[in-house]
PDB file of N, CA and C in Angstrom:
ATOM      1  N   UNK A   1     -19.852  18.755  -6.050  1.00  0.00           N
ATOM      2  CA  UNK A   1     -20.403  18.053  -7.192  1.00  0.00           C
ATOM      3  C   UNK A   1     -20.042  16.567  -7.087  1.00  0.00           C
ATOM      4  N   UNK A   2     -20.997  15.712  -7.312  1.00  0.00           N
ATOM      5  CA  UNK A   2     -20.785  14.274  -7.222  1.00  0.00           C
ATOM      6  C   UNK A   2     -20.435  13.705  -8.589  1.00  0.00           C
ATOM      7  N   UNK A   3     -19.499  12.776  -8.582  1.00  0.00           N
ATOM      8  CA  UNK A   3     -19.116  12.127  -9.831  1.00  0.00           C
ATOM      9  C   UNK A   3     -20.249  11.224 -10.297  1.00  0.00           C
ATOM     10  N   UNK A   4     -20.436  11.167 -11.594  1.00  0.00           N
ATOM     11  CA  UNK A   4     -21.470  10.304 -12.160  1.00  0.00           C
ATOM     12  C   UNK A   4     -21.076   8.851 -11.954  1.00  0.00           C
ATOM     13  N   UNK A   5     -22.050   8.058 -11.577  1.00  0.00           N
ATOM     14  CA  UNK A   5     -21.827   6.625 -11.407  1.00  0.00           C
ATOM     15  C   UNK A   5     -22.412   5.934 -12.622  1.00  0.00           C
ATOM     16  N   UNK A   6     -21.582   5.179 -13.302  1.00  0.00           N
ATOM     17  CA  UNK A   6     -22.028   4.504 -14.522  1.00  0.00           C
ATOM     18  C   UNK A   6     -21.793   3.005 -14.383  1.00  0.00           C
ATOM     19  N   UNK A   7     -22.708   2.206 -14.873  1.00  0.00           N
ATOM     20  CA  UNK A   7     -22.537   0.761 -14.798  1.00  0.00           C
ATOM     21  C   UNK A   7     -21.394   0.289 -15.705  1.00  0.00           C
ATOM     22  N   UNK A   8     -20.721  -0.747 -15.247  1.00  0.00           N
ATOM     23  CA  UNK A   8     -19.641  -1.362 -16.003  1.00  0.00           C
ATOM     24  C   UNK A   8     -19.878  -2.870 -15.980  1.00  0.00           C
ATOM     25  N   UNK A   9     -19.725  -3.505 -17.105  1.00  0.00           N
ATOM     26  CA  UNK A   9     -19.908  -4.956 -17.170  1.00  0.00           C
ATOM     27  C   UNK A   9     -18.581  -5.645 -16.933  1.00  0.00           C
ATOM     28  N   UNK A  10     -18.638  -6.761 -16.251  1.00  0.00           N
ATOM     29  CA  UNK A  10     -17.444  -7.575 -16.032  1.00  0.00           C
ATOM     30  C   UNK A  10     -17.816  -9.030 -16.314  1.00  0.00           C
ATOM     31  N   UNK A  11     -17.000  -9.688 -17.076  1.00  0.00           N
ATOM     32  CA  UNK A  11     -17.270 -11.080 -17.429  1.00  0.00           C
ATOM     33  C   UNK A  11     -16.535 -11.982 -16.448  1.00  0.00           C
ATOM     34  N   UNK A  12     -17.286 -12.858 -15.789  1.00  0.00           N
ATOM     35  CA  UNK A  12     -16.720 -13.808 -14.831  1.00  0.00           C
ATOM     36  C   UNK A  12     -17.107 -15.217 -15.236  1.00  0.00           C
ATOM     37  N   UNK A  13     -16.184 -16.147 -15.043  1.00  0.00           N
ATOM     38  CA  UNK A  13     -16.552 -17.536 -15.284  1.00  0.00           C
ATOM     39  C   UNK A  13     -17.510 -17.972 -14.165  1.00  0.00           C
ATOM     40  N   UNK A  14     -18.210 -19.063 -14.381  1.00  0.00           N
ATOM     41  CA  UNK A  14     -19.245 -19.503 -13.440  1.00  0.00           C
ATOM     42  C   UNK A  14     -18.675 -19.780 -12.039  1.00  0.00           C
ATOM     43  N   UNK A  15     -17.490 -20.362 -11.983  1.00  0.00           N
ATOM     44  CA  UNK A  15     -16.884 -20.661 -10.677  1.00  0.00           C
ATOM     45  C   UNK A  15     -16.611 -19.375  -9.893  1.00  0.00           C
ATOM     46  N   UNK A  16     -16.017 -18.391 -10.548  1.00  0.00           N
ATOM     47  CA  UNK A  16     -15.716 -17.116  -9.878  1.00  0.00           C
ATOM     48  C   UNK A  16     -17.003 -16.425  -9.460  1.00  0.00           C
ATOM     49  N   UNK A  17     -17.985 -16.439 -10.330  1.00  0.00           N
ATOM     50  CA  UNK A  17     -19.279 -15.830 -10.017  1.00  0.00           C
ATOM     51  C   UNK A  17     -19.896 -16.484  -8.785  1.00  0.00           C
ATOM     52  N   UNK A  18     -19.825 -17.793  -8.701  1.00  0.00           N
ATOM     53  CA  UNK A  18     -20.372 -18.517  -7.543  1.00  0.00           C
ATOM     54  C   UNK A  18     -19.588 -18.179  -6.269  1.00  0.00           C
ATOM     55  N   UNK A  19     -18.283 -18.085  -6.397  1.00  0.00           N
ATOM     56  CA  UNK A  19     -17.458 -17.720  -5.230  1.00  0.00           C
ATOM     57  C   UNK A  19     -17.808 -16.331  -4.717  1.00  0.00           C
ATOM     58  N   UNK A  20     -17.976 -15.379  -5.649  1.00  0.00           N
ATOM     59  CA  UNK A  20     -18.365 -14.024  -5.260  1.00  0.00           C
ATOM     60  C   UNK A  20     -19.711 -14.063  -4.542  1.00  0.00           C
ATOM     61  N   UNK A  21     -20.654 -14.806  -5.089  1.00  0.00           N
ATOM     62  CA  UNK A  21     -21.988 -14.901  -4.491  1.00  0.00           C
ATOM     63  C   UNK A  21     -21.917 -15.482  -3.084  1.00  0.00           C
ATOM     64  N   UNK A  22     -21.120 -16.539  -2.897  1.00  0.00           N
ATOM     65  CA  UNK A  22     -20.978 -17.153  -1.562  1.00  0.00           C
ATOM     66  C   UNK A  22     -20.368 -16.174  -0.559  1.00  0.00           C
ATOM     67  N   UNK A  23     -19.333 -15.456  -0.991  1.00  0.00           N
ATOM     68  CA  UNK A  23     -18.688 -14.474  -0.093  1.00  0.00           C
ATOM     69  C   UNK A  23     -19.663 -13.365   0.259  1.00  0.00           C
ATOM     70  N   UNK A  24     -20.412 -12.901  -0.745  1.00  0.00           N
ATOM     71  CA  UNK A  24     -21.377 -11.828  -0.517  1.00  0.00           C
ATOM     72  C   UNK A  24     -22.447 -12.284   0.477  1.00  0.00           C
ATOM     73  N   UNK A  25     -22.949 -13.481   0.291  1.00  0.00           N
ATOM     74  CA  UNK A  25     -23.964 -14.005   1.212  1.00  0.00           C
ATOM     75  C   UNK A  25     -23.397 -14.144   2.625  1.00  0.00           C
ATOM     76  N   UNK A  26     -22.160 -14.605   2.733  1.00  0.00           N
ATOM     77  CA  UNK A  26     -21.540 -14.760   4.046  1.00  0.00           C
ATOM     78  C   UNK A  26     -21.377 -13.410   4.751  1.00  0.00           C
ATOM     79  N   UNK A  27     -21.156 -12.362   3.979  1.00  0.00           N
ATOM     80  CA  UNK A  27     -20.998 -11.012   4.532  1.00  0.00           C
ATOM     81  C   UNK A  27     -22.325 -10.263   4.632  1.00  0.00           C
ATOM     82  N   UNK A  28     -23.394 -10.927   4.150  1.00  0.00           N
ATOM     83  CA  UNK A  28     -24.719 -10.293   4.116  1.00  0.00           C
ATOM     84  C   UNK A  28     -24.686  -8.996   3.304  1.00  0.00           C
ATOM     85  N   UNK A  29     -24.053  -9.087   2.175  1.00  0.00           N
ATOM     86  CA  UNK A  29     -23.934  -7.973   1.233  1.00  0.00           C
ATOM     87  C   UNK A  29     -24.315  -8.489  -0.146  1.00  0.00           C
ATOM     88  N   UNK A  30     -24.480  -7.573  -1.068  1.00  0.00           N
ATOM     89  CA  UNK A  30     -24.765  -7.985  -2.445  1.00  0.00           C
ATOM     90  C   UNK A  30     -23.451  -8.320  -3.154  1.00  0.00           C
ATOM     91  N   UNK A  31     -23.558  -9.083  -4.219  1.00  0.00           N
ATOM     92  CA  UNK A  31     -22.378  -9.375  -5.036  1.00  0.00           C
ATOM     93  C   UNK A  31     -21.799  -8.078  -5.585  1.00  0.00           C
ATOM     94  N   UNK A  32     -22.674  -7.155  -5.958  1.00  0.00           N
ATOM     95  CA  UNK A  32     -22.253  -5.851  -6.463  1.00  0.00           C
ATOM     96  C   UNK A  32     -21.394  -5.124  -5.434  1.00  0.00           C
ATOM     97  N   UNK A  33     -21.852  -5.101  -4.179  1.00  0.00           N
ATOM     98  CA  UNK A  33     -21.096  -4.436  -3.112  1.00  0.00           C
ATOM     99  C   UNK A  33     -19.717  -5.085  -2.956  1.00  0.00           C
ATOM    100  N   UNK A  34     -19.710  -6.421  -2.945  1.00  0.00           N
ATOM    101  CA  UNK A  34     -18.454  -7.149  -2.752  1.00  0.00           C
ATOM    102  C   UNK A  34     -17.457  -6.848  -3.870  1.00  0.00           C
ATOM    103  N   UNK A  35     -17.911  -6.814  -5.108  1.00  0.00           N
ATOM    104  CA  UNK A  35     -17.013  -6.532  -6.230  1.00  0.00           C
ATOM    105  C   UNK A  35     -16.506  -5.096  -6.180  1.00  0.00           C
ATOM    106  N   UNK A  36     -17.380  -4.143  -5.832  1.00  0.00           N
ATOM    107  CA  UNK A  36     -16.929  -2.747  -5.691  1.00  0.00           C
ATOM    108  C   UNK A  36     -15.890  -2.628  -4.581  1.00  0.00           C
ATOM    109  N   UNK A  37     -16.137  -3.301  -3.463  1.00  0.00           N
ATOM    110  CA  UNK A  37     -15.189  -3.267  -2.342  1.00  0.00           C
ATOM    111  C   UNK A  37     -13.851  -3.875  -2.755  1.00  0.00           C
ATOM    112  N   UNK A  38     -13.894  -4.994  -3.456  1.00  0.00           N
ATOM    113  CA  UNK A  38     -12.660  -5.655  -3.905  1.00  0.00           C
ATOM    114  C   UNK A  38     -11.870  -4.751  -4.846  1.00  0.00           C
ATOM    115  N   UNK A  39     -12.554  -4.115  -5.775  1.00  0.00           N
ATOM    116  CA  UNK A  39     -11.873  -3.219  -6.720  1.00  0.00           C
ATOM    117  C   UNK A  39     -11.290  -2.020  -5.986  1.00  0.00           C
ATOM    118  N   UNK A  40     -12.050  -1.432  -5.058  1.00  0.00           N
ATOM    119  CA  UNK A  40     -11.562  -0.291  -4.290  1.00  0.00           C
ATOM    120  C   UNK A  40     -10.319  -0.666  -3.488  1.00  0.00           C
ATOM    121  N   UNK A  41     -10.360  -1.795  -2.802  1.00  0.00           N
ATOM    122  CA  UNK A  41      -9.198  -2.236  -2.015  1.00  0.00           C
ATOM    123  C   UNK A  41      -7.994  -2.500  -2.910  1.00  0.00           C
ATOM    124  N   UNK A  42      -8.211  -3.130  -4.052  1.00  0.00           N
ATOM    125  CA  UNK A  42      -7.119  -3.399  -4.986  1.00  0.00           C
ATOM    126  C   UNK A  42      -6.484  -2.089  -5.443  1.00  0.00           C
ATOM    127  N   UNK A  43      -7.315  -1.126  -5.840  1.00  0.00           N
ATOM    128  CA  UNK A  43      -6.782   0.152  -6.324  1.00  0.00           C
ATOM    129  C   UNK A  43      -6.010   0.882  -5.231  1.00  0.00           C
ATOM    130  N   UNK A  44      -6.528   0.894  -4.020  1.00  0.00           N
ATOM    131  CA  UNK A  44      -5.827   1.552  -2.913  1.00  0.00           C
ATOM    132  C   UNK A  44      -4.477   0.888  -2.661  1.00  0.00           C
ATOM    133  N   UNK A  45      -4.447  -0.438  -2.677  1.00  0.00           N
ATOM    134  CA  UNK A  45      -3.191  -1.173  -2.459  1.00  0.00           C
ATOM    135  C   UNK A  45      -2.185  -0.872  -3.567  1.00  0.00           C
ATOM    136  N   UNK A  46      -2.653  -0.884  -4.810  1.00  0.00           N
ATOM    137  CA  UNK A  46      -1.752  -0.619  -5.932  1.00  0.00           C
ATOM    138  C   UNK A  46      -1.270   0.827  -5.946  1.00  0.00           C
ATOM    139  N   UNK A  47      -2.124   1.758  -5.548  1.00  0.00           N
ATOM    140  CA  UNK A  47      -1.709   3.163  -5.468  1.00  0.00           C
ATOM    141  C   UNK A  47      -0.655   3.356  -4.379  1.00  0.00           C
ATOM    142  N   UNK A  48      -0.826   2.676  -3.234  1.00  0.00           N
ATOM    143  CA  UNK A  48       0.200   2.744  -2.176  1.00  0.00           C
ATOM    144  C   UNK A  48       1.508   2.126  -2.661  1.00  0.00           C
ATOM    145  N   UNK A  49       1.404   1.013  -3.375  1.00  0.00           N
ATOM    146  CA  UNK A  49       2.600   0.345  -3.910  1.00  0.00           C
ATOM    147  C   UNK A  49       3.341   1.262  -4.883  1.00  0.00           C
ATOM    148  N   UNK A  50       2.589   1.941  -5.752  1.00  0.00           N
ATOM    149  CA  UNK A  50       3.212   2.849  -6.718  1.00  0.00           C
ATOM    150  C   UNK A  50       3.829   4.056  -6.017  1.00  0.00           C
ATOM    151  N   UNK A  51       3.143   4.579  -4.990  1.00  0.00           N
ATOM    152  CA  UNK A  51       3.702   5.706  -4.240  1.00  0.00           C
ATOM    153  C   UNK A  51       5.015   5.289  -3.569  1.00  0.00           C
ATOM    154  N   UNK A  52       5.052   4.077  -3.017  1.00  0.00           N
ATOM    155  CA  UNK A  52       6.274   3.567  -2.399  1.00  0.00           C
ATOM    156  C   UNK A  52       7.384   3.439  -3.446  1.00  0.00           C
ATOM    157  N   UNK A  53       7.033   2.940  -4.620  1.00  0.00           N
ATOM    158  CA  UNK A  53       8.012   2.801  -5.698  1.00  0.00           C
ATOM    159  C   UNK A  53       8.572   4.164  -6.099  1.00  0.00           C
ATOM    160  N   UNK A  54       7.696   5.144  -6.228  1.00  0.00           N
ATOM    161  CA  UNK A  54       8.145   6.488  -6.589  1.00  0.00           C
ATOM    162  C   UNK A  54       9.038   7.076  -5.498  1.00  0.00           C
ATOM    163  N   UNK A  55       8.669   6.876  -4.226  1.00  0.00           N
ATOM    164  CA  UNK A  55       9.505   7.349  -3.110  1.00  0.00           C
ATOM    165  C   UNK A  55      10.882   6.697  -3.159  1.00  0.00           C
ATOM    166  N   UNK A  56      10.906   5.409  -3.476  1.00  0.00           N
ATOM    167  CA  UNK A  56      12.174   4.677  -3.555  1.00  0.00           C
ATOM    168  C   UNK A  56      13.040   5.224  -4.679  1.00  0.00           C
ATOM    169  N   UNK A  57      12.436   5.461  -5.841  1.00  0.00           N
ATOM    170  CA  UNK A  57      13.192   6.016  -6.963  1.00  0.00           C
ATOM    171  C   UNK A  57      13.717   7.406  -6.634  1.00  0.00           C
ATOM    172  N   UNK A  58      12.909   8.210  -5.954  1.00  0.00           N
ATOM    173  CA  UNK A  58      13.330   9.557  -5.558  1.00  0.00           C
ATOM    174  C   UNK A  58      14.487   9.484  -4.555  1.00  0.00           C
ATOM    175  N   UNK A  59      14.385   8.566  -3.588  1.00  0.00           N
ATOM    176  CA  UNK A  59      15.456   8.412  -2.600  1.00  0.00           C
ATOM    177  C   UNK A  59      16.745   7.948  -3.282  1.00  0.00           C
ATOM    178  N   UNK A  60      16.630   7.029  -4.229  1.00  0.00           N
ATOM    179  CA  UNK A  60      17.799   6.543  -4.951  1.00  0.00           C
ATOM    180  C   UNK A  60      18.462   7.684  -5.729  1.00  0.00           C
ATOM    181  N   UNK A  61      17.632   8.493  -6.388  1.00  0.00           N
ATOM    182  CA  UNK A  61      18.171   9.616  -7.157  1.00  0.00           C
ATOM    183  C   UNK A  61      18.842  10.630  -6.224  1.00  0.00           C
ATOM    184  N   UNK A  62      18.232  10.872  -5.069  1.00  0.00           N
ATOM    185  CA  UNK A  62      18.836  11.788  -4.090  1.00  0.00           C
ATOM    186  C   UNK A  62      20.187  11.249  -3.612  1.00  0.00           C
ATOM    187  N   UNK A  63      20.249   9.933  -3.357  1.00  0.00           N
ATOM    188  CA  UNK A  63      21.520   9.323  -2.948  1.00  0.00           C
ATOM    189  C   UNK A  63      22.558   9.469  -4.064  1.00  0.00           C
ATOM    190  N   UNK A  64      22.151   9.206  -5.305  1.00  0.00           N
ATOM    191  CA  UNK A  64      23.093   9.323  -6.428  1.00  0.00           C
ATOM    192  C   UNK A  64      23.597  10.756  -6.578  1.00  0.00           C
ATOM    193  N   UNK A  65      22.741  11.729  -6.275  1.00  0.00           N
ATOM    194  CA  UNK A  65      23.113  13.136  -6.407  1.00  0.00           C
ATOM    195  C   UNK A  65      24.007  13.598  -5.269  1.00  0.00           C
ATOM    196  N   UNK A  66      23.639  13.221  -4.037  1.00  0.00           N
ATOM    197  CA  UNK A  66      24.351  13.746  -2.859  1.00  0.00           C
ATOM    198  C   UNK A  66      25.401  12.790  -2.303  1.00  0.00           C
ATOM    199  N   UNK A  67      25.193  11.492  -2.461  1.00  0.00           N
ATOM    200  CA  UNK A  67      26.089  10.502  -1.868  1.00  0.00           C
ATOM    201  C   UNK A  67      25.868  10.310  -0.379  1.00  0.00           C
ATOM    202  N   UNK A  68      24.862  10.980   0.181  1.00  0.00           N
ATOM    203  CA  UNK A  68      24.604  10.859   1.620  1.00  0.00           C
ATOM    204  C   UNK A  68      23.866   9.566   1.932  1.00  0.00           C
ATOM    205  N   UNK A  69      24.238   8.933   3.065  1.00  0.00           N
ATOM    206  CA  UNK A  69      23.584   7.702   3.502  1.00  0.00           C
ATOM    207  C   UNK A  69      23.731   7.582   5.016  1.00  0.00           C
ATOM    208  N   UNK A  70      22.920   6.735   5.591  1.00  0.00           N
ATOM    209  CA  UNK A  70      23.047   6.369   7.004  1.00  0.00           C
ATOM    210  C   UNK A  70      23.290   4.868   7.036  1.00  0.00           C
ATOM    211  N   UNK A  71      24.300   4.410   7.765  1.00  0.00           N
ATOM    212  CA  UNK A  71      24.590   2.979   7.816  1.00  0.00           C
ATOM    213  C   UNK A  71      23.393   2.168   8.340  1.00  0.00           C
ATOM    214  N   UNK A  72      23.152   1.043   7.718  1.00  0.00           N
ATOM    215  CA  UNK A  72      21.999   0.208   8.069  1.00  0.00           C
ATOM    216  C   UNK A  72      22.005  -0.183   9.543  1.00  0.00           C
ATOM    217  N   UNK A  73      23.179  -0.499  10.086  1.00  0.00           N
ATOM    218  CA  UNK A  73      23.254  -0.924  11.488  1.00  0.00           C
ATOM    219  C   UNK A  73      22.764   0.189  12.414  1.00  0.00           C
ATOM    220  N   UNK A  74      23.134   1.441  12.100  1.00  0.00           N
ATOM    221  CA  UNK A  74      22.708   2.573  12.921  1.00  0.00           C
ATOM    222  C   UNK A  74      21.206   2.816  12.789  1.00  0.00           C
ATOM    223  N   UNK A  75      20.689   2.686  11.586  1.00  0.00           N
ATOM    224  CA  UNK A  75      19.253   2.875  11.366  1.00  0.00           C
ATOM    225  C   UNK A  75      18.473   1.789  12.109  1.00  0.00           C
ATOM    226  N   UNK A  76      18.939   0.544  12.008  1.00  0.00           N
ATOM    227  CA  UNK A  76      18.258  -0.560  12.684  1.00  0.00           C
ATOM    228  C   UNK A  76      18.273  -0.382  14.197  1.00  0.00           C
ATOM    229  N   UNK A  77      19.400   0.040  14.753  1.00  0.00           N
ATOM    230  CA  UNK A  77      19.489   0.277  16.197  1.00  0.00           C
ATOM    231  C   UNK A  77      18.555   1.410  16.604  1.00  0.00           C
ATOM    232  N   UNK A  78      18.519   2.466  15.809  1.00  0.00           N
ATOM    233  CA  UNK A  78      17.643   3.600  16.085  1.00  0.00           C
ATOM    234  C   UNK A  78      16.175   3.167  16.081  1.00  0.00           C
ATOM    235  N   UNK A  79      15.780   2.420  15.048  1.00  0.00           N
ATOM    236  CA  UNK A  79      14.393   1.958  14.959  1.00  0.00           C
ATOM    237  C   UNK A  79      14.038   1.025  16.109  1.00  0.00           C
ATOM    238  N   UNK A  80      14.971   0.164  16.484  1.00  0.00           N
ATOM    239  CA  UNK A  80      14.721  -0.776  17.590  1.00  0.00           C
ATOM    240  C   UNK A  80      14.549  -0.041  18.916  1.00  0.00           C
ATOM    241  N   UNK A  81      15.106   1.163  19.016  1.00  0.00           N
ATOM    242  CA  UNK A  81      15.023   1.905  20.280  1.00  0.00           C
ATOM    243  C   UNK A  81      13.746   2.742  20.392  1.00  0.00           C
ATOM    244  N   UNK A  82      12.966   2.840  19.324  1.00  0.00           N
ATOM    245  CA  UNK A  82      11.757   3.658  19.353  1.00  0.00           C
ATOM    246  C   UNK A  82      10.831   3.200  20.478  1.00  0.00           C
ATOM    247  N   UNK A  83      10.351   4.140  21.252  1.00  0.00           N
ATOM    248  CA  UNK A  83       9.407   3.841  22.325  1.00  0.00           C
ATOM    249  C   UNK A  83      10.068   3.399  23.616  1.00  0.00           C
ATOM    250  N   UNK A  84      11.371   3.188  23.590  1.00  0.00           N
ATOM    251  CA  UNK A  84      12.085   2.779  24.796  1.00  0.00           C
ATOM    252  C   UNK A  84      12.479   4.021  25.601  1.00  0.00           C
ATOM    253  N   UNK A  85      12.792   3.817  26.870  1.00  0.00           N
ATOM    254  CA  UNK A  85      13.214   4.939  27.717  1.00  0.00           C
ATOM    255  C   UNK A  85      14.506   5.562  27.199  1.00  0.00           C
ATOM    256  N   UNK A  86      15.369   4.745  26.620  1.00  0.00           N
ATOM    257  CA  UNK A  86      16.656   5.241  26.117  1.00  0.00           C
ATOM    258  C   UNK A  86      16.657   5.310  24.586  1.00  0.00           C
ATOM    259  N   UNK A  87      15.626   5.951  24.031  1.00  0.00           N
ATOM    260  CA  UNK A  87      15.502   6.060  22.570  1.00  0.00           C
ATOM    261  C   UNK A  87      16.701   6.812  21.998  1.00  0.00           C
ATOM    262  N   UNK A  88      17.281   6.225  20.961  1.00  0.00           N
ATOM    263  CA  UNK A  88      18.466   6.808  20.330  1.00  0.00           C
ATOM    264  C   UNK A  88      18.088   7.961  19.404  1.00  0.00           C
ATOM    265  N   UNK A  89      18.992   8.907  19.197  1.00  0.00           N
ATOM    266  CA  UNK A  89      18.735   9.961  18.210  1.00  0.00           C
ATOM    267  C   UNK A  89      18.865   9.374  16.796  1.00  0.00           C
ATOM    268  N   UNK A  90      18.229  10.027  15.846  1.00  0.00           N
ATOM    269  CA  UNK A  90      18.302   9.575  14.459  1.00  0.00           C
ATOM    270  C   UNK A  90      19.755   9.579  13.997  1.00  0.00           C
ATOM    271  N   UNK A  91      20.149   8.574  13.212  1.00  0.00           N
ATOM    272  CA  UNK A  91      21.521   8.540  12.718  1.00  0.00           C
ATOM    273  C   UNK A  91      21.836   9.742  11.816  1.00  0.00           C
ATOM    274  N   UNK A  92      23.065  10.136  11.814  1.00  0.00           N
ATOM    275  CA  UNK A  92      23.518  11.241  10.982  1.00  0.00           C
ATOM    276  C   UNK A  92      23.916  10.701   9.613  1.00  0.00           C
ATOM    277  N   UNK A  93      23.456  11.380   8.567  1.00  0.00           N
ATOM    278  CA  UNK A  93      23.847  10.978   7.212  1.00  0.00           C
ATOM    279  C   UNK A  93      25.280  11.389   6.958  1.00  0.00           C
ATOM    280  N   UNK A  94      25.985  10.590   6.168  1.00  0.00           N
ATOM    281  CA  UNK A  94      27.381  10.878   5.822  1.00  0.00           C
ATOM    282  C   UNK A  94      27.653  10.457   4.405  1.00  0.00           C
ATOM    283  N   UNK A  95      28.796  10.854   3.919  1.00  0.00           N
ATOM    284  CA  UNK A  95      29.227  10.472   2.563  1.00  0.00           C
ATOM    285  C   UNK A  95      30.153   9.302   2.632  1.00  0.00           C
TER     286      UNK A  95
END
């Protein structure tokens, strides 16, 4: 089943409207397409940002509960070794 598509009005000042029109023409797209693309990209970026924030809060709560951590120096060395012939094993968490 396809979601219903309904028109939505957006009020833009003349300068912004002209900028959108210029960008749309440069991309050989309609202003409508450009605004939909901009909104879609914004929402995807904000959803990723919120997911990252939630992951961070969950990790913080897990740390507060368990006290387990991996030292930053070990994590940085491990990450720097990724893809190398002598790739290091993941650091061990400790209290």
